[in-house]
N, C-alpha and C. Protein backbone atom coordinates (compact mmCIF):
# COMPACT_ATOMS: atom_id res chain seq x y z
N MET A 1 33.40 261.81 126.44
CA MET A 1 32.82 261.16 127.93
C MET A 1 32.78 259.68 128.29
N ILE A 2 32.21 259.37 127.38
CA ILE A 2 32.18 257.61 127.62
C ILE A 2 33.60 257.07 127.97
N THR A 3 34.24 257.54 126.85
CA THR A 3 35.57 256.69 127.05
C THR A 3 36.08 257.04 128.20
N SER A 4 35.91 258.11 129.05
CA SER A 4 36.89 258.36 130.48
C SER A 4 36.06 257.72 131.57
N LYS A 5 34.64 257.34 131.07
CA LYS A 5 34.00 256.21 132.60
C LYS A 5 34.78 255.04 132.41
N LYS A 6 34.90 254.81 131.39
CA LYS A 6 35.30 253.46 131.00
C LYS A 6 36.62 253.08 131.55
N ASN A 7 37.83 254.41 131.01
CA ASN A 7 39.07 254.37 131.82
C ASN A 7 39.19 254.37 133.06
N SER A 8 38.47 255.06 133.35
CA SER A 8 38.60 255.37 134.95
C SER A 8 38.31 253.62 135.71
N LYS A 9 37.10 253.37 135.65
CA LYS A 9 36.98 251.68 136.18
C LYS A 9 37.58 250.98 135.78
N LYS A 10 38.47 251.06 134.25
CA LYS A 10 39.57 250.15 134.43
C LYS A 10 41.09 250.41 135.23
N ILE A 11 41.02 252.00 135.48
CA ILE A 11 42.34 251.99 136.29
C ILE A 11 41.67 251.61 137.98
N GLU A 12 40.66 251.87 137.96
CA GLU A 12 40.28 251.39 139.04
C GLU A 12 40.35 249.58 139.51
N ALA A 13 39.83 249.21 138.66
CA ALA A 13 39.88 247.42 138.56
C ALA A 13 41.17 247.06 138.50
N VAL A 14 42.26 247.64 138.16
CA VAL A 14 43.94 247.23 137.99
C VAL A 14 44.09 247.84 139.74
N LYS A 15 43.81 248.88 140.00
CA LYS A 15 44.14 249.50 141.77
C LYS A 15 43.57 248.10 142.61
N LYS A 16 42.90 247.76 142.55
CA LYS A 16 42.28 246.85 143.55
C LYS A 16 42.49 245.70 143.32
N LEU A 17 43.11 244.80 141.92
CA LEU A 17 43.85 243.67 141.53
C LEU A 17 45.15 243.94 142.02
N THR A 18 45.87 244.81 142.12
CA THR A 18 47.13 245.00 142.22
C THR A 18 47.16 244.87 143.97
N GLU A 19 46.13 245.52 144.38
CA GLU A 19 46.36 245.20 145.86
C GLU A 19 46.11 244.06 146.28
N LYS A 20 45.66 243.11 145.84
CA LYS A 20 45.34 242.09 146.07
C LYS A 20 46.30 241.24 145.49
N ILE A 21 47.02 241.48 145.06
CA ILE A 21 48.01 240.51 144.52
C ILE A 21 48.89 241.00 145.15
N LYS A 22 49.10 241.85 145.75
CA LYS A 22 50.40 242.45 147.08
C LYS A 22 50.36 241.59 147.85
N LYS A 23 48.98 241.70 148.35
CA LYS A 23 48.51 240.96 149.84
C LYS A 23 48.61 239.52 149.84
N ALA A 24 48.10 239.22 148.73
CA ALA A 24 47.92 237.91 148.66
C ALA A 24 49.21 236.49 148.78
N GLY A 25 48.84 235.78 149.58
CA GLY A 25 50.50 234.76 149.48
C GLY A 25 49.85 233.79 148.44
N THR A 26 48.75 233.25 148.20
CA THR A 26 48.80 232.65 146.95
C THR A 26 47.44 232.95 146.26
N ILE A 27 47.62 232.59 145.00
CA ILE A 27 47.02 233.11 144.01
C ILE A 27 46.57 232.18 142.92
N ILE A 28 45.47 231.66 142.59
CA ILE A 28 45.13 230.28 141.81
C ILE A 28 44.08 230.71 140.35
N LEU A 29 44.70 230.54 139.34
CA LEU A 29 44.28 230.83 138.30
C LEU A 29 43.09 229.74 137.50
N VAL A 30 42.13 229.87 137.13
CA VAL A 30 41.46 229.16 137.07
C VAL A 30 40.44 229.09 135.41
N ASP A 31 40.19 228.30 134.62
CA ASP A 31 39.11 228.81 133.62
C ASP A 31 38.27 227.79 134.13
N TYR A 32 37.20 228.90 134.09
CA TYR A 32 36.29 228.23 134.36
C TYR A 32 34.81 228.41 133.62
N LYS A 33 35.15 228.13 132.13
CA LYS A 33 34.45 228.38 131.13
C LYS A 33 33.22 227.16 131.18
N GLY A 34 32.16 227.04 131.02
CA GLY A 34 31.29 226.37 130.67
C GLY A 34 30.67 225.76 132.59
N LEU A 35 30.95 226.49 133.35
CA LEU A 35 30.74 226.33 135.04
C LEU A 35 29.63 227.10 135.18
N LYS A 36 28.47 226.10 135.32
CA LYS A 36 27.02 226.34 135.90
C LYS A 36 26.87 227.20 136.17
N VAL A 37 25.46 228.16 136.96
CA VAL A 37 25.51 228.93 137.85
C VAL A 37 25.55 228.47 139.26
N ALA A 38 24.94 227.36 139.18
CA ALA A 38 24.58 226.99 140.70
C ALA A 38 26.24 226.35 141.02
N GLN A 39 26.72 225.85 140.11
CA GLN A 39 28.31 225.47 140.82
C GLN A 39 29.06 226.49 141.09
N ASP A 40 28.90 227.39 140.18
CA ASP A 40 29.43 228.87 140.71
C ASP A 40 28.90 228.96 141.88
N THR A 41 27.73 229.38 142.55
CA THR A 41 27.37 229.95 142.97
C THR A 41 28.07 229.19 144.96
N GLU A 42 27.90 227.33 144.36
CA GLU A 42 28.73 226.79 145.65
C GLU A 42 29.71 227.15 145.89
N LEU A 43 31.19 227.45 144.56
CA LEU A 43 32.35 227.91 144.69
C LEU A 43 32.64 228.62 145.63
N ARG A 44 31.59 230.09 144.99
CA ARG A 44 31.92 231.50 145.82
C ARG A 44 31.48 230.99 147.12
N LYS A 45 30.37 230.44 147.69
CA LYS A 45 30.21 230.18 149.27
C LYS A 45 31.10 229.62 149.76
N LYS A 46 31.88 228.29 149.23
CA LYS A 46 33.28 227.88 150.06
C LYS A 46 34.34 228.70 149.98
N MET A 47 34.62 229.70 149.04
CA MET A 47 35.60 230.17 149.11
C MET A 47 35.49 231.56 149.92
N ARG A 48 34.32 232.33 149.85
CA ARG A 48 33.91 232.91 150.96
C ARG A 48 33.83 232.52 152.46
N GLU A 49 33.64 231.48 152.92
CA GLU A 49 34.07 230.85 153.92
C GLU A 49 35.23 230.19 154.45
N ALA A 50 36.06 230.39 153.73
CA ALA A 50 37.27 230.04 153.87
C ALA A 50 38.41 231.05 153.98
N GLY A 51 37.47 232.58 153.46
CA GLY A 51 38.29 233.59 153.49
C GLY A 51 39.11 233.89 152.17
N ILE A 52 38.53 233.61 151.29
CA ILE A 52 39.72 233.41 150.11
C ILE A 52 38.70 234.61 148.76
N ASP A 53 39.35 235.23 148.47
CA ASP A 53 38.41 236.27 147.46
C ASP A 53 38.69 235.61 145.99
N TYR A 54 37.35 235.05 145.35
CA TYR A 54 37.22 234.37 144.32
C TYR A 54 36.53 235.41 143.22
N LEU A 55 37.55 235.86 141.73
CA LEU A 55 36.59 236.81 141.33
C LEU A 55 36.67 236.60 139.71
N VAL A 56 36.62 237.09 138.99
CA VAL A 56 36.51 237.20 137.38
C VAL A 56 37.09 238.56 137.20
N ALA A 57 38.28 238.50 136.30
CA ALA A 57 38.39 239.68 135.97
C ALA A 57 39.37 239.29 134.38
N LYS A 58 39.74 240.74 133.57
CA LYS A 58 39.70 240.56 132.13
C LYS A 58 41.50 240.41 132.63
N ASN A 59 41.89 239.21 131.80
CA ASN A 59 43.09 239.00 131.46
C ASN A 59 44.25 240.07 131.41
N ARG A 60 43.74 241.18 130.52
CA ARG A 60 44.36 242.31 130.67
C ARG A 60 44.83 242.67 131.28
N LEU A 61 43.98 243.13 132.04
CA LEU A 61 44.03 243.75 133.20
C LEU A 61 44.61 243.14 134.48
N PHE A 62 44.68 241.96 134.53
CA PHE A 62 45.43 241.11 135.37
C PHE A 62 46.94 241.39 134.97
N LYS A 63 47.19 241.49 133.69
CA LYS A 63 48.38 241.31 133.41
C LYS A 63 49.07 242.60 133.66
N ILE A 64 48.12 243.68 133.18
CA ILE A 64 48.96 244.94 134.15
C ILE A 64 49.08 245.23 135.61
N ALA A 65 48.13 244.54 136.06
CA ALA A 65 48.71 244.49 137.92
C ALA A 65 49.37 243.90 138.48
N LEU A 66 49.90 242.73 137.27
CA LEU A 66 50.97 242.24 137.97
C LEU A 66 52.46 242.81 137.59
N LYS A 67 52.16 243.15 136.71
CA LYS A 67 53.14 244.30 136.59
C LYS A 67 53.39 245.37 137.79
N GLU A 68 52.44 245.75 137.72
CA GLU A 68 52.35 247.13 139.30
C GLU A 68 52.76 246.77 140.43
N ALA A 69 52.21 244.92 140.88
CA ALA A 69 52.50 244.75 141.83
C ALA A 69 53.70 243.99 141.84
N GLY A 70 54.54 244.30 140.76
CA GLY A 70 56.20 244.07 140.94
C GLY A 70 56.56 242.63 140.63
N ILE A 71 55.30 241.93 139.91
CA ILE A 71 55.62 240.53 139.59
C ILE A 71 56.30 240.48 138.22
N GLN A 72 57.20 239.53 137.99
CA GLN A 72 58.07 239.95 136.81
C GLN A 72 56.96 238.83 135.64
N ASP A 73 56.92 237.87 135.78
CA ASP A 73 56.21 236.60 135.12
C ASP A 73 54.75 237.24 134.89
N SER A 74 54.43 237.44 133.38
CA SER A 74 53.04 237.89 132.92
C SER A 74 52.27 237.01 132.81
N PHE A 75 52.02 235.63 132.61
CA PHE A 75 51.52 234.72 132.37
C PHE A 75 50.80 234.81 131.12
N ASP A 76 51.52 235.12 130.40
CA ASP A 76 51.10 235.33 128.97
C ASP A 76 50.11 233.73 128.57
N ASP A 77 51.39 232.97 128.73
CA ASP A 77 50.88 231.54 128.06
C ASP A 77 49.34 231.05 128.50
N VAL A 78 48.90 231.24 129.64
CA VAL A 78 47.52 230.51 130.46
C VAL A 78 46.60 231.72 130.72
N LEU A 79 47.19 233.23 130.30
CA LEU A 79 46.05 233.89 130.66
C LEU A 79 44.91 234.35 129.59
N GLU A 80 44.64 233.23 128.93
CA GLU A 80 44.04 233.39 127.34
C GLU A 80 42.42 232.70 128.09
N GLY A 81 41.62 233.00 127.23
CA GLY A 81 40.09 232.71 127.57
C GLY A 81 39.53 233.21 128.86
N ASP A 82 38.70 232.33 129.42
CA ASP A 82 37.65 232.84 130.52
C ASP A 82 38.73 232.29 131.67
N THR A 83 38.89 233.26 132.43
CA THR A 83 40.16 233.25 133.89
C THR A 83 39.39 233.84 135.13
N SER A 84 39.49 232.62 135.86
CA SER A 84 38.87 233.39 137.24
C SER A 84 40.22 233.22 138.35
N PHE A 85 40.10 233.94 139.69
CA PHE A 85 41.32 234.09 140.49
C PHE A 85 41.13 234.08 141.90
N ALA A 86 41.63 232.83 142.58
CA ALA A 86 41.18 232.79 143.83
C ALA A 86 42.53 233.18 144.90
N PHE A 87 42.30 233.92 145.64
CA PHE A 87 43.52 234.93 146.15
C PHE A 87 43.19 234.24 147.72
N GLY A 88 44.18 234.03 148.12
CA GLY A 88 44.64 233.69 149.52
C GLY A 88 45.53 234.28 150.12
N TYR A 89 44.91 234.76 151.62
CA TYR A 89 45.87 235.36 152.20
C TYR A 89 46.28 234.67 153.35
N SER A 90 45.66 234.57 154.64
CA SER A 90 46.66 233.98 155.55
C SER A 90 46.88 232.44 155.45
N ASP A 91 45.91 231.51 154.87
CA ASP A 91 46.48 229.53 154.99
C ASP A 91 45.93 230.01 152.88
N LEU A 92 47.96 229.25 153.07
CA LEU A 92 48.16 229.52 151.79
C LEU A 92 47.89 228.28 150.81
N VAL A 93 47.60 227.62 151.58
CA VAL A 93 47.06 225.98 151.36
C VAL A 93 45.45 225.90 150.46
N ALA A 94 44.60 226.54 151.25
CA ALA A 94 43.25 226.54 151.29
C ALA A 94 42.98 226.83 149.94
N PRO A 95 42.96 228.10 149.22
CA PRO A 95 43.10 228.26 148.01
C PRO A 95 43.15 227.23 146.96
N ALA A 96 44.36 226.47 147.01
CA ALA A 96 44.70 224.84 146.22
C ALA A 96 43.62 224.32 146.50
N LYS A 97 43.34 223.93 147.69
CA LYS A 97 42.91 222.99 148.24
C LYS A 97 41.32 222.75 148.05
N ILE A 98 40.79 224.03 147.86
CA ILE A 98 39.42 224.06 147.47
C ILE A 98 39.18 223.97 145.91
N VAL A 99 39.75 224.85 145.06
CA VAL A 99 39.87 224.79 143.71
C VAL A 99 40.53 223.41 143.04
N ASN A 100 41.07 222.85 143.70
CA ASN A 100 41.59 221.39 143.29
C ASN A 100 39.83 220.32 143.34
N ASP A 101 39.81 220.33 144.78
CA ASP A 101 38.44 219.43 145.03
C ASP A 101 37.55 219.78 144.21
N PHE A 102 37.28 221.06 144.10
CA PHE A 102 36.20 221.30 143.09
C PHE A 102 36.06 220.86 141.65
N SER A 103 37.41 220.83 141.56
CA SER A 103 37.71 220.64 139.76
C SER A 103 37.55 219.13 139.52
N LYS A 104 37.37 217.99 140.63
CA LYS A 104 37.37 216.73 140.28
C LYS A 104 36.05 216.73 139.96
N GLY A 105 36.09 215.57 138.70
CA GLY A 105 35.03 215.51 138.54
C GLY A 105 34.47 215.73 136.86
N LYS A 106 34.85 217.20 137.12
CA LYS A 106 34.92 218.68 136.63
C LYS A 106 35.74 218.89 134.94
N ASP A 107 34.72 218.46 133.65
CA ASP A 107 35.65 218.81 132.77
C ASP A 107 35.86 220.78 132.53
N VAL A 108 34.87 221.12 132.89
CA VAL A 108 34.65 222.42 132.42
C VAL A 108 35.55 223.48 133.53
N PHE A 109 36.02 222.79 134.67
CA PHE A 109 36.88 223.82 135.70
C PHE A 109 38.45 223.03 135.54
N LYS A 110 39.41 224.04 135.03
CA LYS A 110 40.38 223.01 135.20
C LYS A 110 41.33 224.43 135.61
N ILE A 111 42.32 224.21 136.38
CA ILE A 111 43.27 224.87 137.00
C ILE A 111 44.40 224.95 136.00
N LYS A 112 44.53 226.30 135.76
CA LYS A 112 45.72 226.99 134.83
C LYS A 112 47.10 226.90 135.67
N ALA A 113 47.20 227.62 136.02
CA ALA A 113 48.68 227.73 137.27
C ALA A 113 48.20 229.04 138.61
N GLY A 114 49.39 229.14 138.90
CA GLY A 114 49.63 229.85 140.44
C GLY A 114 50.49 230.85 140.65
N LEU A 115 50.16 231.45 141.56
CA LEU A 115 51.10 232.52 142.12
C LEU A 115 51.87 231.74 143.63
N LEU A 116 52.43 231.63 143.97
CA LEU A 116 52.63 231.41 145.60
C LEU A 116 53.92 232.04 145.98
N GLU A 117 53.38 233.25 146.89
CA GLU A 117 54.51 233.74 147.96
C GLU A 117 55.41 234.84 146.65
N GLY A 118 54.56 234.90 145.55
CA GLY A 118 55.50 235.75 144.09
C GLY A 118 55.95 235.43 143.39
N LYS A 119 55.96 233.51 143.54
CA LYS A 119 56.99 232.43 142.33
C LYS A 119 55.35 231.95 141.91
N ARG A 120 56.19 232.17 140.28
CA ARG A 120 55.13 231.49 139.83
C ARG A 120 54.79 229.82 140.04
N ILE A 121 53.85 229.05 139.87
CA ILE A 121 53.90 227.81 140.12
C ILE A 121 52.58 227.20 138.88
N ASP A 122 53.07 225.99 138.57
CA ASP A 122 52.16 225.29 137.34
C ASP A 122 50.99 224.52 138.11
N ALA A 123 50.34 223.92 137.01
CA ALA A 123 48.53 223.15 137.55
C ALA A 123 49.22 222.08 138.58
N THR A 124 50.52 221.36 138.34
CA THR A 124 50.55 220.37 138.85
C THR A 124 50.99 220.57 140.34
N ALA A 125 51.83 222.07 140.32
CA ALA A 125 52.76 222.50 142.04
C ALA A 125 51.25 222.97 142.61
N VAL A 126 50.08 223.37 141.92
CA VAL A 126 48.87 223.92 142.69
C VAL A 126 48.24 222.36 143.33
N GLU A 127 48.37 221.33 142.55
CA GLU A 127 47.45 220.22 142.73
C GLU A 127 48.71 219.46 143.88
N SER A 128 49.90 219.69 143.96
CA SER A 128 50.64 219.28 144.70
C SER A 128 50.12 219.96 146.10
N LEU A 129 50.27 221.05 145.98
CA LEU A 129 49.58 222.09 147.05
C LEU A 129 48.62 222.01 147.71
N ALA A 130 47.81 221.62 147.12
CA ALA A 130 46.27 221.18 147.72
C ALA A 130 46.17 219.79 148.27
N THR A 131 47.59 218.80 148.19
CA THR A 131 47.60 217.67 148.86
C THR A 131 48.49 218.07 150.50
N LEU A 132 49.04 219.10 150.86
CA LEU A 132 49.82 219.60 151.82
C LEU A 132 48.22 219.54 153.04
N PRO A 133 48.43 219.48 154.26
CA PRO A 133 47.86 219.73 155.37
C PRO A 133 47.58 221.16 155.82
N SER A 134 46.30 221.84 156.00
CA SER A 134 45.95 223.22 156.28
C SER A 134 47.21 223.73 157.20
N ARG A 135 47.01 225.07 157.69
CA ARG A 135 47.88 225.52 158.30
C ARG A 135 47.19 225.02 160.16
N GLU A 136 46.11 224.79 160.46
CA GLU A 136 45.47 224.62 161.44
C GLU A 136 45.59 223.00 161.56
N GLU A 137 45.95 221.94 160.67
CA GLU A 137 46.16 220.74 160.54
C GLU A 137 47.97 220.84 161.31
N LEU A 138 48.18 221.46 160.64
CA LEU A 138 49.83 221.36 160.88
C LEU A 138 50.05 222.25 162.37
N LEU A 139 49.53 223.00 162.67
CA LEU A 139 49.57 223.80 164.50
C LEU A 139 49.17 222.24 165.71
N ALA A 140 48.04 221.81 164.52
CA ALA A 140 47.35 220.72 165.85
C ALA A 140 48.57 219.13 166.10
N LYS A 141 48.95 219.17 164.83
CA LYS A 141 50.07 217.95 164.79
C LYS A 141 51.37 218.62 165.41
N MET A 142 51.62 219.87 165.42
CA MET A 142 52.86 220.38 166.22
C MET A 142 52.45 220.19 167.91
N LEU A 143 51.62 220.77 167.64
CA LEU A 143 50.93 220.54 168.98
C LEU A 143 50.91 219.15 170.04
N GLY A 144 50.40 218.44 169.18
CA GLY A 144 50.42 216.94 169.48
C GLY A 144 52.04 216.27 169.65
N SER A 145 52.90 216.65 169.13
CA SER A 145 54.30 216.15 169.19
C SER A 145 54.93 216.58 170.30
N LEU A 146 54.46 218.44 170.68
CA LEU A 146 54.96 218.51 172.00
C LEU A 146 54.39 218.48 172.99
N GLN A 147 53.31 217.58 172.83
CA GLN A 147 52.62 217.18 174.04
C GLN A 147 52.75 215.67 174.43
N ALA A 148 53.21 215.26 173.29
CA ALA A 148 53.51 213.75 173.51
C ALA A 148 54.88 213.15 174.76
N PRO A 149 55.76 213.84 174.76
CA PRO A 149 56.94 213.54 175.73
C PRO A 149 55.92 214.02 177.04
N ILE A 150 55.50 215.20 177.26
CA ILE A 150 54.64 215.41 178.91
C ILE A 150 53.72 214.54 179.23
N SER A 151 52.98 213.73 178.25
CA SER A 151 51.66 212.87 178.70
C SER A 151 52.47 211.73 178.82
N GLY A 152 54.13 210.95 178.14
CA GLY A 152 54.48 209.95 178.29
C GLY A 152 55.18 210.28 179.31
N LEU A 153 55.64 211.05 180.14
CA LEU A 153 56.16 211.06 181.32
C LEU A 153 55.06 210.90 182.51
N ALA A 154 54.16 211.46 182.08
CA ALA A 154 52.76 211.43 182.96
C ALA A 154 52.54 209.99 183.23
N ASN A 155 52.41 209.27 182.24
CA ASN A 155 51.99 207.77 182.23
C ASN A 155 53.30 207.07 183.10
N VAL A 156 54.71 207.21 182.90
CA VAL A 156 55.56 206.36 183.39
C VAL A 156 55.52 206.67 185.04
N LEU A 157 55.31 208.02 185.32
CA LEU A 157 55.02 208.22 186.53
C LEU A 157 53.96 207.67 187.25
N GLN A 158 52.99 207.98 186.44
CA GLN A 158 51.41 207.16 187.41
C GLN A 158 51.63 205.61 187.15
N GLY A 159 52.62 205.25 186.28
CA GLY A 159 52.67 203.61 186.35
C GLY A 159 53.64 203.35 187.64
N SER A 160 54.39 204.33 188.14
CA SER A 160 55.15 203.49 188.80
C SER A 160 54.68 203.79 190.10
N LEU A 161 53.45 205.25 190.36
CA LEU A 161 53.06 205.40 191.68
C LEU A 161 51.52 204.13 191.68
N ARG A 162 51.30 203.39 190.55
CA ARG A 162 50.55 202.69 191.02
C ARG A 162 51.50 201.37 191.89
N LYS A 163 52.69 201.21 191.17
CA LYS A 163 53.09 199.52 191.36
C LYS A 163 53.53 199.58 192.85
N PHE A 164 54.02 201.26 193.08
CA PHE A 164 54.09 201.25 194.78
C PHE A 164 52.95 201.15 195.48
N VAL A 165 51.70 201.34 194.90
CA VAL A 165 50.50 201.60 195.91
C VAL A 165 50.66 199.73 196.04
N TYR A 166 50.13 199.35 194.71
CA TYR A 166 50.24 197.76 194.66
C TYR A 166 51.29 197.05 195.85
N ALA A 167 52.55 197.63 195.93
CA ALA A 167 53.71 197.14 196.91
C ALA A 167 52.89 197.18 198.04
N LEU A 168 52.91 198.69 198.45
CA LEU A 168 52.13 198.71 199.88
C LEU A 168 50.70 198.12 200.50
N ASP A 169 50.05 197.06 199.73
CA ASP A 169 49.09 196.85 199.45
C ASP A 169 49.11 195.64 199.84
N ALA A 170 50.33 194.99 199.06
CA ALA A 170 50.36 193.54 199.25
C ALA A 170 51.52 193.07 200.47
N VAL A 171 51.89 194.52 201.23
CA VAL A 171 53.03 194.33 202.45
C VAL A 171 51.75 194.51 203.46
N LYS A 172 50.89 194.76 203.72
CA LYS A 172 50.06 195.15 204.10
C LYS A 172 49.00 193.93 204.70
N LYS A 173 48.72 193.32 203.36
CA LYS A 173 47.93 192.12 203.23
C LYS A 173 48.79 190.70 204.09
N THR A 174 50.29 191.02 203.80
CA THR A 174 50.74 189.95 204.22
C THR A 174 51.06 189.97 206.20
N LYS A 175 50.90 191.40 206.41
CA LYS A 175 51.23 191.18 207.65
C LYS A 175 49.91 191.27 208.67
N GLU A 176 48.56 191.01 207.73
CA GLU A 176 47.20 190.90 208.36
C GLU A 176 47.37 189.38 208.90
């Protein structure tokens, strides 16, 4: 009876992990061993605020979930020891950014690898991903680029009108 309860819990955990893997655009694998409770709480708060699922799971169950999600790489070389997972859904850069920023200056919190839209990336690629601007920043830059020609045209037209008004004012003064 006890083993069936354990098995059902494991099966349920694998199902949840599989769903998260299928839904996530980015997954960052992290070695969290040695992280203090206060630091972990701070990290989880940042993740929650960014809409990122951050959890700890057994490596073996994560490997099974990867297979069930259709991911070919089993991550055997990095799924050793304590591993936590950050699942990003809408913003692909946010998990890498938060994990990378959080790991700076800490010896106990190391990026192991990642999964970006179904493709494995190494720790260096995760760090590079973290330097990319977020989706909101990219949208703001694109909007600025779209507005630049329009505002430039408005300034040119305004300058021409201003010069015309100055010319009329000068003609008026000379006739007086």
